[in-house]
Amino acid sequence: MVDRIKRALTRRRRVPGRPVIVEEPNETLVYCVKFIMVMIVCLSALEVACMAFLGSWSSEVFSAIMGLVGIVTGIFVGQKT
């Protein structure tokens, strides 16, 4: 399987008259993003279970999910610039 997260975090710079410069991300950054993605999936499952069994919306779990989504978005935007 092609590592899509690593490919998405890879920076390519084009300098006129030269070949494309490819800068791959640090492996630690890739593992952190993968871990955060797993945490988002787990928290989403917890939110669904909370709604299914308790019949109520948990704003604390939802705010944790949104915080993690914000972190991942910031990593992708910061890495590309």
N, C-alpha and C. Protein backbone atom coordinates (compact mmCIF):
# COMPACT_ATOMS: atom_id res chain seq x y z
N MET A 1 0.83 -1.18 0.00
CA MET A 1 0.00 0.00 0.00
C MET A 1 0.89 1.25 0.00
N VAL A 2 0.53 2.16 -0.85
CA VAL A 2 1.29 3.41 -0.94
C VAL A 2 0.97 4.26 0.29
N ASP A 3 1.99 4.82 0.89
CA ASP A 3 1.80 5.63 2.09
C ASP A 3 1.29 7.01 1.68
N ARG A 4 -0.02 7.17 1.75
CA ARG A 4 -0.65 8.40 1.28
C ARG A 4 -0.34 9.58 2.17
N ILE A 5 -0.19 9.36 3.46
CA ILE A 5 0.11 10.46 4.37
C ILE A 5 1.50 11.01 4.08
N LYS A 6 2.46 10.13 3.87
CA LYS A 6 3.82 10.57 3.56
C LYS A 6 3.85 11.32 2.23
N ARG A 7 3.10 10.84 1.26
CA ARG A 7 3.05 11.50 -0.03
C ARG A 7 2.38 12.87 0.08
N ALA A 8 1.35 12.97 0.92
CA ALA A 8 0.66 14.25 1.10
C ALA A 8 1.53 15.27 1.82
N LEU A 9 2.42 14.81 2.70
CA LEU A 9 3.29 15.71 3.44
C LEU A 9 4.59 16.03 2.71
N THR A 10 4.85 15.38 1.58
CA THR A 10 6.07 15.62 0.83
C THR A 10 5.98 16.96 0.12
N ARG A 11 7.03 17.75 0.29
CA ARG A 11 7.08 19.09 -0.29
C ARG A 11 7.88 19.04 -1.59
N ARG A 12 7.32 19.65 -2.63
CA ARG A 12 8.00 19.72 -3.92
C ARG A 12 8.18 21.20 -4.27
N ARG A 13 9.44 21.58 -4.51
CA ARG A 13 9.72 22.97 -4.87
C ARG A 13 10.24 23.01 -6.30
N ARG A 14 9.70 23.95 -7.03
CA ARG A 14 10.14 24.13 -8.41
C ARG A 14 10.94 25.42 -8.51
N VAL A 15 12.16 25.28 -8.99
CA VAL A 15 13.02 26.44 -9.21
C VAL A 15 13.23 26.52 -10.72
N PRO A 16 12.99 27.69 -11.32
CA PRO A 16 13.15 27.80 -12.77
C PRO A 16 14.56 27.43 -13.21
N GLY A 17 14.64 26.58 -14.20
CA GLY A 17 15.92 26.16 -14.76
C GLY A 17 16.57 25.00 -14.04
N ARG A 18 15.92 24.47 -13.00
CA ARG A 18 16.49 23.35 -12.24
C ARG A 18 15.45 22.25 -12.11
N PRO A 19 15.90 21.03 -11.79
CA PRO A 19 14.92 19.95 -11.57
C PRO A 19 14.12 20.20 -10.29
N VAL A 20 13.02 19.51 -10.15
CA VAL A 20 12.14 19.66 -8.99
C VAL A 20 12.86 19.13 -7.75
N ILE A 21 12.81 19.92 -6.66
CA ILE A 21 13.43 19.52 -5.39
C ILE A 21 12.35 18.87 -4.54
N VAL A 22 12.57 17.62 -4.15
CA VAL A 22 11.61 16.86 -3.35
C VAL A 22 12.14 16.74 -1.93
N GLU A 23 11.35 17.24 -0.96
CA GLU A 23 11.72 17.14 0.45
C GLU A 23 10.72 16.25 1.15
N GLU A 24 11.18 15.09 1.60
CA GLU A 24 10.28 14.16 2.29
C GLU A 24 10.17 14.55 3.76
N PRO A 25 9.01 14.28 4.37
CA PRO A 25 8.82 14.65 5.78
C PRO A 25 9.57 13.72 6.72
N ASN A 26 9.72 14.17 7.94
CA ASN A 26 10.34 13.38 8.98
C ASN A 26 9.43 12.19 9.31
N GLU A 27 10.02 11.05 9.58
CA GLU A 27 9.23 9.85 9.89
C GLU A 27 8.40 10.04 11.16
N THR A 28 8.94 10.78 12.13
CA THR A 28 8.20 11.03 13.36
C THR A 28 6.92 11.79 13.09
N LEU A 29 6.99 12.76 12.18
CA LEU A 29 5.80 13.53 11.81
C LEU A 29 4.76 12.63 11.16
N VAL A 30 5.21 11.73 10.29
CA VAL A 30 4.28 10.82 9.62
C VAL A 30 3.60 9.91 10.64
N TYR A 31 4.37 9.38 11.61
CA TYR A 31 3.78 8.52 12.64
C TYR A 31 2.82 9.28 13.53
N CYS A 32 3.13 10.52 13.84
CA CYS A 32 2.22 11.34 14.66
C CYS A 32 0.90 11.58 13.95
N VAL A 33 0.97 11.88 12.66
CA VAL A 33 -0.27 12.10 11.90
C VAL A 33 -1.08 10.82 11.83
N LYS A 34 -0.42 9.68 11.63
CA LYS A 34 -1.14 8.40 11.61
C LYS A 34 -1.81 8.13 12.95
N PHE A 35 -1.11 8.40 14.04
CA PHE A 35 -1.68 8.19 15.37
C PHE A 35 -2.88 9.10 15.61
N ILE A 36 -2.78 10.35 15.19
CA ILE A 36 -3.91 11.27 15.37
C ILE A 36 -5.10 10.82 14.53
N MET A 37 -4.86 10.31 13.34
CA MET A 37 -5.96 9.81 12.50
C MET A 37 -6.66 8.63 13.17
N VAL A 38 -5.90 7.74 13.80
CA VAL A 38 -6.49 6.61 14.51
C VAL A 38 -7.31 7.12 15.70
N MET A 39 -6.80 8.13 16.39
CA MET A 39 -7.53 8.69 17.52
C MET A 39 -8.85 9.33 17.07
N ILE A 40 -8.86 9.98 15.91
CA ILE A 40 -10.09 10.57 15.38
C ILE A 40 -11.11 9.48 15.11
N VAL A 41 -10.68 8.37 14.53
CA VAL A 41 -11.60 7.26 14.26
C VAL A 41 -12.14 6.67 15.56
N CYS A 42 -11.27 6.49 16.55
CA CYS A 42 -11.71 5.93 17.83
C CYS A 42 -12.69 6.86 18.54
N LEU A 43 -12.40 8.15 18.55
CA LEU A 43 -13.31 9.10 19.19
C LEU A 43 -14.64 9.21 18.45
N SER A 44 -14.60 9.07 17.13
CA SER A 44 -15.85 9.08 16.36
C SER A 44 -16.70 7.86 16.71
N ALA A 45 -16.06 6.71 16.87
CA ALA A 45 -16.78 5.50 17.28
C ALA A 45 -17.35 5.67 18.68
N LEU A 46 -16.60 6.32 19.56
CA LEU A 46 -17.10 6.59 20.91
C LEU A 46 -18.31 7.51 20.88
N GLU A 47 -18.28 8.52 20.02
CA GLU A 47 -19.42 9.43 19.89
C GLU A 47 -20.65 8.71 19.37
N VAL A 48 -20.47 7.84 18.39
CA VAL A 48 -21.60 7.07 17.85
C VAL A 48 -22.15 6.14 18.92
N ALA A 49 -21.28 5.49 19.68
CA ALA A 49 -21.73 4.60 20.74
C ALA A 49 -22.47 5.38 21.83
N CYS A 50 -21.99 6.55 22.14
CA CYS A 50 -22.64 7.39 23.15
C CYS A 50 -24.05 7.79 22.68
N MET A 51 -24.17 8.11 21.41
CA MET A 51 -25.48 8.49 20.88
C MET A 51 -26.41 7.28 20.80
N ALA A 52 -25.85 6.12 20.47
CA ALA A 52 -26.69 4.93 20.30
C ALA A 52 -27.18 4.38 21.64
N PHE A 53 -26.28 4.30 22.62
CA PHE A 53 -26.65 3.65 23.87
C PHE A 53 -27.19 4.61 24.93
N LEU A 54 -26.67 5.82 24.97
CA LEU A 54 -27.13 6.78 25.97
C LEU A 54 -28.19 7.73 25.43
N GLY A 55 -28.24 7.84 24.11
CA GLY A 55 -29.24 8.70 23.49
C GLY A 55 -28.96 10.18 23.66
N SER A 56 -27.69 10.52 23.89
CA SER A 56 -27.36 11.94 24.05
C SER A 56 -26.07 12.26 23.32
N TRP A 57 -25.93 13.54 23.00
CA TRP A 57 -24.75 14.03 22.30
C TRP A 57 -23.71 14.43 23.33
N SER A 58 -22.49 13.97 23.15
CA SER A 58 -21.41 14.31 24.08
C SER A 58 -20.58 15.44 23.47
N SER A 59 -20.73 16.63 24.00
CA SER A 59 -20.00 17.78 23.45
C SER A 59 -18.51 17.69 23.75
N GLU A 60 -18.13 17.01 24.85
CA GLU A 60 -16.72 16.88 25.18
C GLU A 60 -15.99 16.02 24.16
N VAL A 61 -16.60 14.91 23.77
CA VAL A 61 -15.99 14.03 22.76
C VAL A 61 -15.93 14.75 21.42
N PHE A 62 -17.00 15.48 21.08
CA PHE A 62 -17.01 16.20 19.81
C PHE A 62 -15.94 17.29 19.79
N SER A 63 -15.73 17.98 20.89
CA SER A 63 -14.69 19.02 20.91
C SER A 63 -13.30 18.39 20.82
N ALA A 64 -13.11 17.20 21.38
CA ALA A 64 -11.83 16.50 21.23
C ALA A 64 -11.59 16.11 19.78
N ILE A 65 -12.64 15.65 19.10
CA ILE A 65 -12.51 15.30 17.68
C ILE A 65 -12.15 16.54 16.87
N MET A 66 -12.83 17.65 17.12
CA MET A 66 -12.55 18.88 16.37
C MET A 66 -11.15 19.42 16.66
N GLY A 67 -10.68 19.26 17.88
CA GLY A 67 -9.32 19.67 18.20
C GLY A 67 -8.28 18.87 17.43
N LEU A 68 -8.49 17.56 17.34
CA LEU A 68 -7.57 16.71 16.59
C LEU A 68 -7.62 17.01 15.10
N VAL A 69 -8.81 17.27 14.59
CA VAL A 69 -8.94 17.64 13.17
C VAL A 69 -8.20 18.94 12.89
N GLY A 70 -8.29 19.89 13.82
CA GLY A 70 -7.57 21.15 13.67
C GLY A 70 -6.06 20.95 13.69
N ILE A 71 -5.59 20.05 14.53
CA ILE A 71 -4.15 19.77 14.58
C ILE A 71 -3.67 19.17 13.27
N VAL A 72 -4.41 18.20 12.74
CA VAL A 72 -4.01 17.57 11.47
C VAL A 72 -4.04 18.59 10.33
N THR A 73 -5.06 19.43 10.30
CA THR A 73 -5.14 20.46 9.26
C THR A 73 -3.96 21.42 9.37
N GLY A 74 -3.61 21.82 10.58
CA GLY A 74 -2.47 22.70 10.77
C GLY A 74 -1.16 22.07 10.35
N ILE A 75 -1.01 20.78 10.60
CA ILE A 75 0.21 20.08 10.19
C ILE A 75 0.32 20.07 8.67
N PHE A 76 -0.78 19.76 7.97
CA PHE A 76 -0.73 19.70 6.52
C PHE A 76 -0.47 21.08 5.91
N VAL A 77 -1.13 22.11 6.43
CA VAL A 77 -0.93 23.45 5.89
C VAL A 77 0.48 23.94 6.20
N GLY A 78 0.96 23.70 7.41
CA GLY A 78 2.30 24.15 7.77
C GLY A 78 3.40 23.42 7.03
N GLN A 79 3.20 22.17 6.73
CA GLN A 79 4.22 21.39 6.04
C GLN A 79 4.33 21.79 4.57
N LYS A 80 3.22 22.19 3.96
CA LYS A 80 3.23 22.51 2.55
C LYS A 80 3.80 23.90 2.25
N THR A 81 3.84 24.78 3.25
CA THR A 81 4.34 26.14 2.99
C THR A 81 5.78 26.28 3.34
